Amino acid sequence: MRSDMLTSILNDLNGTSADIEATGIISTDGLMMASALPANLDEDRVGAMSAAMLSLGDRTAQELARGTLEQVLIKGDRGYVLMTHAGDEAVLTVLAKPNAKLGLIFLDVKRAASSISEVL
């Protein structure tokens, strides 16, 4: 039941923008809770990388006195990876195209993370 609700939130998020290529909800220890990933992406790898990057981002924000971490954004030549907390125990990871309209994606991701937090 809960996993169906999480999958529904991801499907809604993927439908909000053609620029979003994939999404996943990962526990803070790196286990995939729900995903809408293409077949060429390994869930375990996405989960582990997301948890590691968010943990590093948390520590960096603390060590450099930047306050509480809100999100981690990685820009590559083939697109973006956006990670944000979705409650205390989960991470929402979004893969977006290189020409994505990030302002709209940030807004949609914030709303989805809030919905995920309520479900968890």
PDB file of N, CA and C in Angstrom:
ATOM      1  N   MET A   1       0.824  -1.199   0.000  1.00  0.00           N
ATOM      2  CA  MET A   1       0.000   0.000   0.000  1.00  0.00           C
ATOM      3  C   MET A   1       0.868   1.263   0.000  1.00  0.00           C
ATOM      4  N   ARG A   2       1.791   1.329   0.980  1.00  0.00           N
ATOM      5  CA  ARG A   2       2.645   2.508   1.063  1.00  0.00           C
ATOM      6  C   ARG A   2       3.521   2.635  -0.180  1.00  0.00           C
ATOM      7  N   SER A   3       4.058   1.519  -0.667  1.00  0.00           N
ATOM      8  CA  SER A   3       4.908   1.578  -1.860  1.00  0.00           C
ATOM      9  C   SER A   3       4.103   2.010  -3.085  1.00  0.00           C
ATOM     10  N   ASP A   4       2.822   1.628  -3.141  1.00  0.00           N
ATOM     11  CA  ASP A   4       1.964   2.083  -4.239  1.00  0.00           C
ATOM     12  C   ASP A   4       1.772   3.596  -4.198  1.00  0.00           C
ATOM     13  N   MET A   5       1.621   4.138  -2.993  1.00  0.00           N
ATOM     14  CA  MET A   5       1.457   5.584  -2.842  1.00  0.00           C
ATOM     15  C   MET A   5       2.726   6.319  -3.252  1.00  0.00           C
ATOM     16  N   LEU A   6       3.876   5.776  -2.865  1.00  0.00           N
ATOM     17  CA  LEU A   6       5.151   6.393  -3.236  1.00  0.00           C
ATOM     18  C   LEU A   6       5.368   6.343  -4.745  1.00  0.00           C
ATOM     19  N   THR A   7       5.041   5.206  -5.349  1.00  0.00           N
ATOM     20  CA  THR A   7       5.166   5.072  -6.805  1.00  0.00           C
ATOM     21  C   THR A   7       4.239   6.044  -7.522  1.00  0.00           C
ATOM     22  N   SER A   8       3.055   6.232  -6.985  1.00  0.00           N
ATOM     23  CA  SER A   8       2.101   7.181  -7.569  1.00  0.00           C
ATOM     24  C   SER A   8       2.650   8.609  -7.522  1.00  0.00           C
ATOM     25  N   ILE A   9       3.278   8.977  -6.408  1.00  0.00           N
ATOM     26  CA  ILE A   9       3.884  10.311  -6.292  1.00  0.00           C
ATOM     27  C   ILE A   9       4.988  10.481  -7.332  1.00  0.00           C
ATOM     28  N   LEU A  10       5.803   9.445  -7.517  1.00  0.00           N
ATOM     29  CA  LEU A  10       6.877   9.517  -8.519  1.00  0.00           C
ATOM     30  C   LEU A  10       6.319   9.622  -9.934  1.00  0.00           C
ATOM     31  N   ASN A  11       5.287   8.851 -10.227  1.00  0.00           N
ATOM     32  CA  ASN A  11       4.677   8.918 -11.559  1.00  0.00           C
ATOM     33  C   ASN A  11       4.088  10.300 -11.822  1.00  0.00           C
ATOM     34  N   ASP A  12       3.462  10.885 -10.796  1.00  0.00           N
ATOM     35  CA  ASP A  12       2.932  12.247 -10.935  1.00  0.00           C
ATOM     36  C   ASP A  12       4.059  13.241 -11.188  1.00  0.00           C
ATOM     37  N   LEU A  13       5.161  13.089 -10.429  1.00  0.00           N
ATOM     38  CA  LEU A  13       6.304  13.982 -10.607  1.00  0.00           C
ATOM     39  C   LEU A  13       6.888  13.837 -12.010  1.00  0.00           C
ATOM     40  N   ASN A  14       7.056  12.621 -12.472  1.00  0.00           N
ATOM     41  CA  ASN A  14       7.580  12.405 -13.825  1.00  0.00           C
ATOM     42  C   ASN A  14       6.671  13.017 -14.883  1.00  0.00           C
ATOM     43  N   GLY A  15       5.376  13.031 -14.626  1.00  0.00           N
ATOM     44  CA  GLY A  15       4.420  13.582 -15.582  1.00  0.00           C
ATOM     45  C   GLY A  15       4.353  15.093 -15.599  1.00  0.00           C
ATOM     46  N   THR A  16       4.946  15.756 -14.590  1.00  0.00           N
ATOM     47  CA  THR A  16       4.855  17.216 -14.538  1.00  0.00           C
ATOM     48  C   THR A  16       5.760  17.903 -15.555  1.00  0.00           C
ATOM     49  N   SER A  17       6.804  17.229 -15.997  1.00  0.00           N
ATOM     50  CA  SER A  17       7.752  17.848 -16.917  1.00  0.00           C
ATOM     51  C   SER A  17       8.382  16.806 -17.833  1.00  0.00           C
ATOM     52  N   ALA A  18       8.461  17.136 -19.093  1.00  0.00           N
ATOM     53  CA  ALA A  18       9.139  16.253 -20.043  1.00  0.00           C
ATOM     54  C   ALA A  18      10.649  16.254 -19.813  1.00  0.00           C
ATOM     55  N   ASP A  19      11.126  17.229 -19.022  1.00  0.00           N
ATOM     56  CA  ASP A  19      12.551  17.326 -18.729  1.00  0.00           C
ATOM     57  C   ASP A  19      13.009  16.335 -17.665  1.00  0.00           C
ATOM     58  N   ILE A  20      12.072  15.751 -16.908  1.00  0.00           N
ATOM     59  CA  ILE A  20      12.417  14.774 -15.883  1.00  0.00           C
ATOM     60  C   ILE A  20      12.511  13.404 -16.541  1.00  0.00           C
ATOM     61  N   GLU A  21      13.675  12.774 -16.408  1.00  0.00           N
ATOM     62  CA  GLU A  21      13.912  11.486 -17.043  1.00  0.00           C
ATOM     63  C   GLU A  21      13.713  10.304 -16.109  1.00  0.00           C
ATOM     64  N   ALA A  22      13.958  10.502 -14.813  1.00  0.00           N
ATOM     65  CA  ALA A  22      13.858   9.398 -13.858  1.00  0.00           C
ATOM     66  C   ALA A  22      13.748   9.952 -12.447  1.00  0.00           C
ATOM     67  N   THR A  23      13.117   9.162 -11.563  1.00  0.00           N
ATOM     68  CA  THR A  23      12.986   9.544 -10.162  1.00  0.00           C
ATOM     69  C   THR A  23      13.100   8.313  -9.277  1.00  0.00           C
ATOM     70  N   GLY A  24      13.505   8.546  -8.045  1.00  0.00           N
ATOM     71  CA  GLY A  24      13.578   7.452  -7.086  1.00  0.00           C
ATOM     72  C   GLY A  24      13.474   7.975  -5.666  1.00  0.00           C
ATOM     73  N   ILE A  25      12.923   7.153  -4.793  1.00  0.00           N
ATOM     74  CA  ILE A  25      12.880   7.456  -3.369  1.00  0.00           C
ATOM     75  C   ILE A  25      13.779   6.426  -2.696  1.00  0.00           C
ATOM     76  N   ILE A  26      14.771   6.927  -1.979  1.00  0.00           N
ATOM     77  CA  ILE A  26      15.798   6.068  -1.407  1.00  0.00           C
ATOM     78  C   ILE A  26      15.856   6.314   0.095  1.00  0.00           C
ATOM     79  N   SER A  27      15.977   5.236   0.869  1.00  0.00           N
ATOM     80  CA  SER A  27      16.164   5.403   2.305  1.00  0.00           C
ATOM     81  C   SER A  27      17.538   6.020   2.540  1.00  0.00           C
ATOM     82  N   THR A  28      17.717   6.651   3.698  1.00  0.00           N
ATOM     83  CA  THR A  28      18.991   7.318   3.960  1.00  0.00           C
ATOM     84  C   THR A  28      20.163   6.345   4.054  1.00  0.00           C
ATOM     85  N   ASP A  29      19.855   5.039   4.186  1.00  0.00           N
ATOM     86  CA  ASP A  29      20.944   4.056   4.162  1.00  0.00           C
ATOM     87  C   ASP A  29      21.174   3.472   2.771  1.00  0.00           C
ATOM     88  N   GLY A  30      20.493   4.002   1.752  1.00  0.00           N
ATOM     89  CA  GLY A  30      20.789   3.653   0.370  1.00  0.00           C
ATOM     90  C   GLY A  30      19.902   2.601  -0.269  1.00  0.00           C
ATOM     91  N   LEU A  31      18.822   2.183   0.385  1.00  0.00           N
ATOM     92  CA  LEU A  31      17.928   1.184  -0.194  1.00  0.00           C
ATOM     93  C   LEU A  31      16.791   1.847  -0.961  1.00  0.00           C
ATOM     94  N   MET A  32      16.533   1.371  -2.163  1.00  0.00           N
ATOM     95  CA  MET A  32      15.476   1.928  -3.004  1.00  0.00           C
ATOM     96  C   MET A  32      14.117   1.568  -2.412  1.00  0.00           C
ATOM     97  N   MET A  33      13.290   2.577  -2.173  1.00  0.00           N
ATOM     98  CA  MET A  33      11.955   2.376  -1.622  1.00  0.00           C
ATOM     99  C   MET A  33      10.904   2.346  -2.732  1.00  0.00           C
ATOM    100  N   ALA A  34      11.095   3.183  -3.737  1.00  0.00           N
ATOM    101  CA  ALA A  34      10.213   3.239  -4.907  1.00  0.00           C
ATOM    102  C   ALA A  34      10.991   3.938  -6.013  1.00  0.00           C
ATOM    103  N   SER A  35      10.684   3.570  -7.263  1.00  0.00           N
ATOM    104  CA  SER A  35      11.418   4.214  -8.354  1.00  0.00           C
ATOM    105  C   SER A  35      10.608   4.233  -9.633  1.00  0.00           C
ATOM    106  N   ALA A  36      10.983   5.177 -10.467  1.00  0.00           N
ATOM    107  CA  ALA A  36      10.504   5.267 -11.843  1.00  0.00           C
ATOM    108  C   ALA A  36      11.760   5.525 -12.679  1.00  0.00           C
ATOM    109  N   LEU A  37      12.560   4.476 -12.797  1.00  0.00           N
ATOM    110  CA  LEU A  37      13.845   4.575 -13.486  1.00  0.00           C
ATOM    111  C   LEU A  37      13.798   3.827 -14.807  1.00  0.00           C
ATOM    112  N   PRO A  38      14.524   4.300 -15.821  1.00  0.00           N
ATOM    113  CA  PRO A  38      14.622   3.540 -17.067  1.00  0.00           C
ATOM    114  C   PRO A  38      15.401   2.244 -16.839  1.00  0.00           C
ATOM    115  N   ALA A  39      15.228   1.302 -17.722  1.00  0.00           N
ATOM    116  CA  ALA A  39      15.833  -0.027 -17.575  1.00  0.00           C
ATOM    117  C   ALA A  39      17.359   0.011 -17.541  1.00  0.00           C
ATOM    118  N   ASN A  40      17.962   1.031 -18.147  1.00  0.00           N
ATOM    119  CA  ASN A  40      19.422   1.085 -18.206  1.00  0.00           C
ATOM    120  C   ASN A  40      20.079   1.580 -16.917  1.00  0.00           C
ATOM    121  N   LEU A  41      19.274   1.954 -15.920  1.00  0.00           N
ATOM    122  CA  LEU A  41      19.823   2.399 -14.646  1.00  0.00           C
ATOM    123  C   LEU A  41      19.623   1.325 -13.584  1.00  0.00           C
ATOM    124  N   ASP A  42      20.680   1.038 -12.849  1.00  0.00           N
ATOM    125  CA  ASP A  42      20.643   0.048 -11.786  1.00  0.00           C
ATOM    126  C   ASP A  42      20.128   0.693 -10.500  1.00  0.00           C
ATOM    127  N   GLU A  43      19.012   0.189  -9.974  1.00  0.00           N
ATOM    128  CA  GLU A  43      18.402   0.750  -8.766  1.00  0.00           C
ATOM    129  C   GLU A  43      19.372   0.790  -7.592  1.00  0.00           C
ATOM    130  N   ASP A  44      20.130  -0.284  -7.408  1.00  0.00           N
ATOM    131  CA  ASP A  44      21.061  -0.357  -6.285  1.00  0.00           C
ATOM    132  C   ASP A  44      22.143   0.718  -6.387  1.00  0.00           C
ATOM    133  N   ARG A  45      22.635   0.939  -7.575  1.00  0.00           N
ATOM    134  CA  ARG A  45      23.670   1.957  -7.775  1.00  0.00           C
ATOM    135  C   ARG A  45      23.103   3.357  -7.538  1.00  0.00           C
ATOM    136  N   VAL A  46      21.933   3.628  -8.079  1.00  0.00           N
ATOM    137  CA  VAL A  46      21.295   4.932  -7.873  1.00  0.00           C
ATOM    138  C   VAL A  46      21.056   5.160  -6.380  1.00  0.00           C
ATOM    139  N   GLY A  47      20.584   4.138  -5.688  1.00  0.00           N
ATOM    140  CA  GLY A  47      20.324   4.252  -4.259  1.00  0.00           C
ATOM    141  C   GLY A  47      21.583   4.548  -3.460  1.00  0.00           C
ATOM    142  N   ALA A  48      22.616   3.796  -3.707  1.00  0.00           N
ATOM    143  CA  ALA A  48      23.870   3.973  -2.970  1.00  0.00           C
ATOM    144  C   ALA A  48      24.484   5.342  -3.242  1.00  0.00           C
ATOM    145  N   MET A  49      24.505   5.753  -4.503  1.00  0.00           N
ATOM    146  CA  MET A  49      25.077   7.053  -4.859  1.00  0.00           C
ATOM    147  C   MET A  49      24.290   8.196  -4.237  1.00  0.00           C
ATOM    148  N   SER A  50      22.980   8.099  -4.265  1.00  0.00           N
ATOM    149  CA  SER A  50      22.132   9.161  -3.709  1.00  0.00           C
ATOM    150  C   SER A  50      22.351   9.308  -2.214  1.00  0.00           C
ATOM    151  N   ALA A  51      22.353   8.202  -1.501  1.00  0.00           N
ATOM    152  CA  ALA A  51      22.553   8.258  -0.053  1.00  0.00           C
ATOM    153  C   ALA A  51      23.937   8.825   0.282  1.00  0.00           C
ATOM    154  N   ALA A  52      24.940   8.405  -0.458  1.00  0.00           N
ATOM    155  CA  ALA A  52      26.297   8.885  -0.202  1.00  0.00           C
ATOM    156  C   ALA A  52      26.419  10.384  -0.462  1.00  0.00           C
ATOM    157  N   MET A  53      25.867  10.846  -1.570  1.00  0.00           N
ATOM    158  CA  MET A  53      25.967  12.267  -1.912  1.00  0.00           C
ATOM    159  C   MET A  53      25.196  13.135  -0.929  1.00  0.00           C
ATOM    160  N   LEU A  54      24.021  12.694  -0.517  1.00  0.00           N
ATOM    161  CA  LEU A  54      23.252  13.491   0.428  1.00  0.00           C
ATOM    162  C   LEU A  54      23.948  13.538   1.793  1.00  0.00           C
ATOM    163  N   SER A  55      24.531  12.434   2.199  1.00  0.00           N
ATOM    164  CA  SER A  55      25.275  12.406   3.456  1.00  0.00           C
ATOM    165  C   SER A  55      26.463  13.367   3.399  1.00  0.00           C
ATOM    166  N   LEU A  56      27.175  13.345   2.286  1.00  0.00           N
ATOM    167  CA  LEU A  56      28.312  14.253   2.102  1.00  0.00           C
ATOM    168  C   LEU A  56      27.841  15.708   2.069  1.00  0.00           C
ATOM    169  N   GLY A  57      26.718  15.952   1.418  1.00  0.00           N
ATOM    170  CA  GLY A  57      26.159  17.304   1.379  1.00  0.00           C
ATOM    171  C   GLY A  57      25.772  17.799   2.760  1.00  0.00           C
ATOM    172  N   ASP A  58      25.152  16.914   3.565  1.00  0.00           N
ATOM    173  CA  ASP A  58      24.802  17.271   4.947  1.00  0.00           C
ATOM    174  C   ASP A  58      26.039  17.688   5.730  1.00  0.00           C
ATOM    175  N   ARG A  59      27.068  16.865   5.629  1.00  0.00           N
ATOM    176  CA  ARG A  59      28.291  17.145   6.381  1.00  0.00           C
ATOM    177  C   ARG A  59      28.963  18.430   5.901  1.00  0.00           C
ATOM    178  N   THR A  60      28.972  18.640   4.596  1.00  0.00           N
ATOM    179  CA  THR A  60      29.574  19.851   4.038  1.00  0.00           C
ATOM    180  C   THR A  60      28.839  21.093   4.520  1.00  0.00           C
ATOM    181  N   ALA A  61      27.513  21.056   4.482  1.00  0.00           N
ATOM    182  CA  ALA A  61      26.714  22.199   4.942  1.00  0.00           C
ATOM    183  C   ALA A  61      26.993  22.501   6.411  1.00  0.00           C
ATOM    184  N   GLN A  62      27.117  21.454   7.227  1.00  0.00           N
ATOM    185  CA  GLN A  62      27.408  21.648   8.648  1.00  0.00           C
ATOM    186  C   GLN A  62      28.809  22.207   8.862  1.00  0.00           C
ATOM    187  N   GLU A  63      29.797  21.581   8.233  1.00  0.00           N
ATOM    188  CA  GLU A  63      31.194  21.976   8.438  1.00  0.00           C
ATOM    189  C   GLU A  63      31.477  23.395   7.956  1.00  0.00           C
ATOM    190  N   LEU A  64      30.782  23.820   6.922  1.00  0.00           N
ATOM    191  CA  LEU A  64      31.015  25.150   6.362  1.00  0.00           C
ATOM    192  C   LEU A  64      29.984  26.166   6.842  1.00  0.00           C
ATOM    193  N   ALA A  65      29.235  25.794   7.891  1.00  0.00           N
ATOM    194  CA  ALA A  65      28.264  26.681   8.542  1.00  0.00           C
ATOM    195  C   ALA A  65      27.247  27.256   7.553  1.00  0.00           C
ATOM    196  N   ARG A  66      26.683  26.385   6.719  1.00  0.00           N
ATOM    197  CA  ARG A  66      25.676  26.807   5.746  1.00  0.00           C
ATOM    198  C   ARG A  66      24.256  26.463   6.188  1.00  0.00           C
ATOM    199  N   GLY A  67      24.110  25.940   7.388  1.00  0.00           N
ATOM    200  CA  GLY A  67      22.785  25.596   7.899  1.00  0.00           C
ATOM    201  C   GLY A  67      22.373  24.201   7.466  1.00  0.00           C
ATOM    202  N   THR A  68      21.085  23.964   7.500  1.00  0.00           N
ATOM    203  CA  THR A  68      20.538  22.657   7.167  1.00  0.00           C
ATOM    204  C   THR A  68      20.520  22.476   5.646  1.00  0.00           C
ATOM    205  N   LEU A  69      20.990  21.337   5.187  1.00  0.00           N
ATOM    206  CA  LEU A  69      21.019  21.036   3.755  1.00  0.00           C
ATOM    207  C   LEU A  69      19.605  20.944   3.200  1.00  0.00           C
ATOM    208  N   GLU A  70      19.345  21.599   2.092  1.00  0.00           N
ATOM    209  CA  GLU A  70      18.055  21.511   1.420  1.00  0.00           C
ATOM    210  C   GLU A  70      18.110  20.570   0.231  1.00  0.00           C
ATOM    211  N   GLN A  71      19.179  20.704  -0.567  1.00  0.00           N
ATOM    212  CA  GLN A  71      19.283  19.857  -1.756  1.00  0.00           C
ATOM    213  C   GLN A  71      20.709  19.817  -2.258  1.00  0.00           C
ATOM    214  N   VAL A  72      20.969  18.784  -3.059  1.00  0.00           N
ATOM    215  CA  VAL A  72      22.252  18.644  -3.736  1.00  0.00           C
ATOM    216  C   VAL A  72      21.951  18.636  -5.231  1.00  0.00           C
ATOM    217  N   LEU A  73      22.662  19.462  -5.985  1.00  0.00           N
ATOM    218  CA  LEU A  73      22.471  19.536  -7.430  1.00  0.00           C
ATOM    219  C   LEU A  73      23.802  19.225  -8.102  1.00  0.00           C
ATOM    220  N   ILE A  74      23.765  18.261  -9.000  1.00  0.00           N
ATOM    221  CA  ILE A  74      24.947  17.898  -9.781  1.00  0.00           C
ATOM    222  C   ILE A  74      24.624  18.163 -11.244  1.00  0.00           C
ATOM    223  N   LYS A  75      25.507  18.895 -11.908  1.00  0.00           N
ATOM    224  CA  LYS A  75      25.316  19.190 -13.321  1.00  0.00           C
ATOM    225  C   LYS A  75      26.393  18.476 -14.113  1.00  0.00           C
ATOM    226  N   GLY A  76      25.965  17.649 -15.052  1.00  0.00           N
ATOM    227  CA  GLY A  76      26.882  16.994 -15.972  1.00  0.00           C
ATOM    228  C   GLY A  76      26.565  17.428 -17.386  1.00  0.00           C
ATOM    229  N   ASP A  77      27.395  17.061 -18.331  1.00  0.00           N
ATOM    230  CA  ASP A  77      27.136  17.482 -19.711  1.00  0.00           C
ATOM    231  C   ASP A  77      25.934  16.777 -20.323  1.00  0.00           C
ATOM    232  N   ARG A  78      25.428  15.722 -19.679  1.00  0.00           N
ATOM    233  CA  ARG A  78      24.233  15.025 -20.175  1.00  0.00           C
ATOM    234  C   ARG A  78      23.023  15.213 -19.269  1.00  0.00           C
ATOM    235  N   GLY A  79      23.101  16.168 -18.345  1.00  0.00           N
ATOM    236  CA  GLY A  79      21.931  16.463 -17.538  1.00  0.00           C
ATOM    237  C   GLY A  79      22.247  16.705 -16.074  1.00  0.00           C
ATOM    238  N   TYR A  80      21.181  16.752 -15.291  1.00  0.00           N
ATOM    239  CA  TYR A  80      21.263  17.087 -13.874  1.00  0.00           C
ATOM    240  C   TYR A  80      20.836  15.914 -12.999  1.00  0.00           C
ATOM    241  N   VAL A  81      21.385  15.898 -11.795  1.00  0.00           N
ATOM    242  CA  VAL A  81      20.922  15.017 -10.731  1.00  0.00           C
ATOM    243  C   VAL A  81      20.568  15.933  -9.568  1.00  0.00           C
ATOM    244  N   LEU A  82      19.335  15.847  -9.110  1.00  0.00           N
ATOM    245  CA  LEU A  82      18.866  16.659  -7.984  1.00  0.00           C
ATOM    246  C   LEU A  82      18.450  15.721  -6.862  1.00  0.00           C
ATOM    247  N   MET A  83      19.007  15.949  -5.672  1.00  0.00           N
ATOM    248  CA  MET A  83      18.661  15.128  -4.509  1.00  0.00           C
ATOM    249  C   MET A  83      18.194  16.040  -3.398  1.00  0.00           C
ATOM    250  N   THR A  84      17.115  15.643  -2.752  1.00  0.00           N
ATOM    251  CA  THR A  84      16.590  16.414  -1.636  1.00  0.00           C
ATOM    252  C   THR A  84      16.016  15.480  -0.589  1.00  0.00           C
ATOM    253  N   HIS A  85      16.037  15.928   0.664  1.00  0.00           N
ATOM    254  CA  HIS A  85      15.438  15.132   1.727  1.00  0.00           C
ATOM    255  C   HIS A  85      13.927  15.059   1.521  1.00  0.00           C
ATOM    256  N   ALA A  86      13.375  13.898   1.794  1.00  0.00           N
ATOM    257  CA  ALA A  86      11.919  13.702   1.774  1.00  0.00           C
ATOM    258  C   ALA A  86      11.560  13.119   3.142  1.00  0.00           C
ATOM    259  N   GLY A  87      11.516  13.976   4.136  1.00  0.00           N
ATOM    260  CA  GLY A  87      11.364  13.520   5.508  1.00  0.00           C
ATOM    261  C   GLY A  87      12.724  13.216   6.093  1.00  0.00           C
ATOM    262  N   ASP A  88      12.725  12.615   7.287  1.00  0.00           N
ATOM    263  CA  ASP A  88      13.987  12.348   7.982  1.00  0.00           C
ATOM    264  C   ASP A  88      14.696  11.097   7.485  1.00  0.00           C
ATOM    265  N   GLU A  89      13.960  10.190   6.864  1.00  0.00           N
ATOM    266  CA  GLU A  89      14.534   8.880   6.540  1.00  0.00           C
ATOM    267  C   GLU A  89      14.604   8.569   5.042  1.00  0.00           C
ATOM    268  N   ALA A  90      14.349   9.563   4.173  1.00  0.00           N
ATOM    269  CA  ALA A  90      14.337   9.276   2.736  1.00  0.00           C
ATOM    270  C   ALA A  90      14.936  10.421   1.927  1.00  0.00           C
ATOM    271  N   VAL A  91      15.359  10.060   0.736  1.00  0.00           N
ATOM    272  CA  VAL A  91      15.944  10.989  -0.229  1.00  0.00           C
ATOM    273  C   VAL A  91      15.153  10.857  -1.530  1.00  0.00           C
ATOM    274  N   LEU A  92      14.792  11.985  -2.119  1.00  0.00           N
ATOM    275  CA  LEU A  92      14.170  11.990  -3.443  1.00  0.00           C
ATOM    276  C   LEU A  92      15.241  12.377  -4.448  1.00  0.00           C
ATOM    277  N   THR A  93      15.485  11.506  -5.417  1.00  0.00           N
ATOM    278  CA  THR A  93      16.475  11.757  -6.459  1.00  0.00           C
ATOM    279  C   THR A  93      15.768  11.916  -7.794  1.00  0.00           C
ATOM    280  N   VAL A  94      16.137  12.958  -8.538  1.00  0.00           N
ATOM    281  CA  VAL A  94      15.538  13.248  -9.833  1.00  0.00           C
ATOM    282  C   VAL A  94      16.653  13.431 -10.861  1.00  0.00           C
ATOM    283  N   LEU A  95      16.517  12.753 -11.989  1.00  0.00           N
ATOM    284  CA  LEU A  95      17.431  12.948 -13.108  1.00  0.00           C
ATOM    285  C   LEU A  95      16.712  13.771 -14.168  1.00  0.00           C
ATOM    286  N   ALA A  96      17.355  14.840 -14.620  1.00  0.00           N
ATOM    287  CA  ALA A  96      16.727  15.750 -15.579  1.00  0.00           C
ATOM    288  C   ALA A  96      17.631  15.980 -16.783  1.00  0.00           C
ATOM    289  N   LYS A  97      17.015  16.360 -17.878  1.00  0.00           N
ATOM    290  CA  LYS A  97      17.739  16.623 -19.122  1.00  0.00           C
ATOM    291  C   LYS A  97      18.631  17.858 -18.996  1.00  0.00           C
ATOM    292  N   PRO A  98      19.639  17.981 -19.859  1.00  0.00           N
ATOM    293  CA  PRO A  98      20.581  19.103 -19.752  1.00  0.00           C
ATOM    294  C   PRO A  98      19.950  20.473 -19.992  1.00  0.00           C
ATOM    295  N   ASN A  99      18.869  20.538 -20.751  1.00  0.00           N
ATOM    296  CA  ASN A  99      18.224  21.826 -21.033  1.00  0.00           C
ATOM    297  C   ASN A  99      16.982  22.038 -20.162  1.00  0.00           C
ATOM    298  N   ALA A 100      16.902  21.344 -19.039  1.00  0.00           N
ATOM    299  CA  ALA A 100      15.731  21.390 -18.164  1.00  0.00           C
ATOM    300  C   ALA A 100      15.519  22.783 -17.578  1.00  0.00           C
ATOM    301  N   LYS A 101      14.256  23.114 -17.373  1.00  0.00           N
ATOM    302  CA  LYS A 101      13.876  24.355 -16.699  1.00  0.00           C
ATOM    303  C   LYS A 101      13.912  24.070 -15.203  1.00  0.00           C
ATOM    304  N   LEU A 102      15.039  24.375 -14.577  1.00  0.00           N
ATOM    305  CA  LEU A 102      15.273  23.967 -13.203  1.00  0.00           C
ATOM    306  C   LEU A 102      14.330  24.617 -12.199  1.00  0.00           C
ATOM    307  N   GLY A 103      13.916  25.850 -12.441  1.00  0.00           N
ATOM    308  CA  GLY A 103      13.011  26.521 -11.505  1.00  0.00           C
ATOM    309  C   GLY A 103      11.727  25.739 -11.313  1.00  0.00           C
ATOM    310  N   LEU A 104      11.145  25.287 -12.416  1.00  0.00           N
ATOM    311  CA  LEU A 104       9.907  24.510 -12.334  1.00  0.00           C
ATOM    312  C   LEU A 104      10.157  23.148 -11.698  1.00  0.00           C
ATOM    313  N   ILE A 105      11.274  22.545 -12.021  1.00  0.00           N
ATOM    314  CA  ILE A 105      11.597  21.239 -11.440  1.00  0.00           C
ATOM    315  C   ILE A 105      11.816  21.362  -9.936  1.00  0.00           C
ATOM    316  N   PHE A 106      12.511  22.410  -9.498  1.00  0.00           N
ATOM    317  CA  PHE A 106      12.700  22.613  -8.058  1.00  0.00           C
ATOM    318  C   PHE A 106      11.361  22.705  -7.337  1.00  0.00           C
ATOM    319  N   LEU A 107      10.429  23.447  -7.910  1.00  0.00           N
ATOM    320  CA  LEU A 107       9.105  23.591  -7.302  1.00  0.00           C
ATOM    321  C   LEU A 107       8.379  22.252  -7.236  1.00  0.00           C
ATOM    322  N   ASP A 108       8.377  21.515  -8.330  1.00  0.00           N
ATOM    323  CA  ASP A 108       7.710  20.213  -8.364  1.00  0.00           C
ATOM    324  C   ASP A 108       8.360  19.216  -7.417  1.00  0.00           C
ATOM    325  N   VAL A 109       9.681  19.244  -7.335  1.00  0.00           N
ATOM    326  CA  VAL A 109      10.402  18.335  -6.443  1.00  0.00           C
ATOM    327  C   VAL A 109      10.095  18.662  -4.982  1.00  0.00           C
ATOM    328  N   LYS A 110      10.023  19.931  -4.663  1.00  0.00           N
ATOM    329  CA  LYS A 110       9.701  20.339  -3.290  1.00  0.00           C
ATOM    330  C   LYS A 110       8.316  19.827  -2.891  1.00  0.00           C
ATOM    331  N   ARG A 111       7.360  19.959  -3.781  1.00  0.00           N
ATOM    332  CA  ARG A 111       6.000  19.470  -3.515  1.00  0.00           C
ATOM    333  C   ARG A 111       5.989  17.946  -3.362  1.00  0.00           C
ATOM    334  N   ALA A 112       6.692  17.259  -4.243  1.00  0.00           N
ATOM    335  CA  ALA A 112       6.732  15.794  -4.170  1.00  0.00           C
ATOM    336  C   ALA A 112       7.410  15.341  -2.885  1.00  0.00           C
ATOM    337  N   ALA A 113       8.496  15.993  -2.492  1.00  0.00           N
ATOM    338  CA  ALA A 113       9.197  15.618  -1.259  1.00  0.00           C
ATOM    339  C   ALA A 113       8.291  15.795  -0.047  1.00  0.00           C
ATOM    340  N   SER A 114       7.487  16.833  -0.063  1.00  0.00           N
ATOM    341  CA  SER A 114       6.534  17.041   1.023  1.00  0.00           C
ATOM    342  C   SER A 114       5.488  15.930   1.066  1.00  0.00           C
ATOM    343  N   SER A 115       4.988  15.538  -0.086  1.00  0.00           N
ATOM    344  CA  SER A 115       4.010  14.448  -0.160  1.00  0.00           C
ATOM    345  C   SER A 115       4.624  13.130   0.302  1.00  0.00           C
ATOM    346  N   ILE A 116       5.857  12.878  -0.096  1.00  0.00           N
ATOM    347  CA  ILE A 116       6.554  11.654   0.317  1.00  0.00           C
ATOM    348  C   ILE A 116       6.727  11.643   1.835  1.00  0.00           C
ATOM    349  N   SER A 117       7.104  12.776   2.393  1.00  0.00           N
ATOM    350  CA  SER A 117       7.291  12.893   3.834  1.00  0.00           C
ATOM    351  C   SER A 117       6.009  12.553   4.577  1.00  0.00           C
ATOM    352  N   GLU A 118       4.875  12.991   4.056  1.00  0.00           N
ATOM    353  CA  GLU A 118       3.582  12.700   4.687  1.00  0.00           C
ATOM    354  C   GLU A 118       3.270  11.209   4.645  1.00  0.00           C
ATOM    355  N   VAL A 119       3.613  10.539   3.556  1.00  0.00           N
ATOM    356  CA  VAL A 119       3.346   9.115   3.424  1.00  0.00           C
ATOM    357  C   VAL A 119       4.240   8.309   4.356  1.00  0.00           C
ATOM    358  N   LEU A 120       5.497   8.736   4.493  1.00  0.00           N
ATOM    359  CA  LEU A 120       6.432   7.997   5.332  1.00  0.00           C
ATOM    360  C   LEU A 120       6.244   8.334   6.789  1.00  0.00           C
TER     361      LEU A 120
END
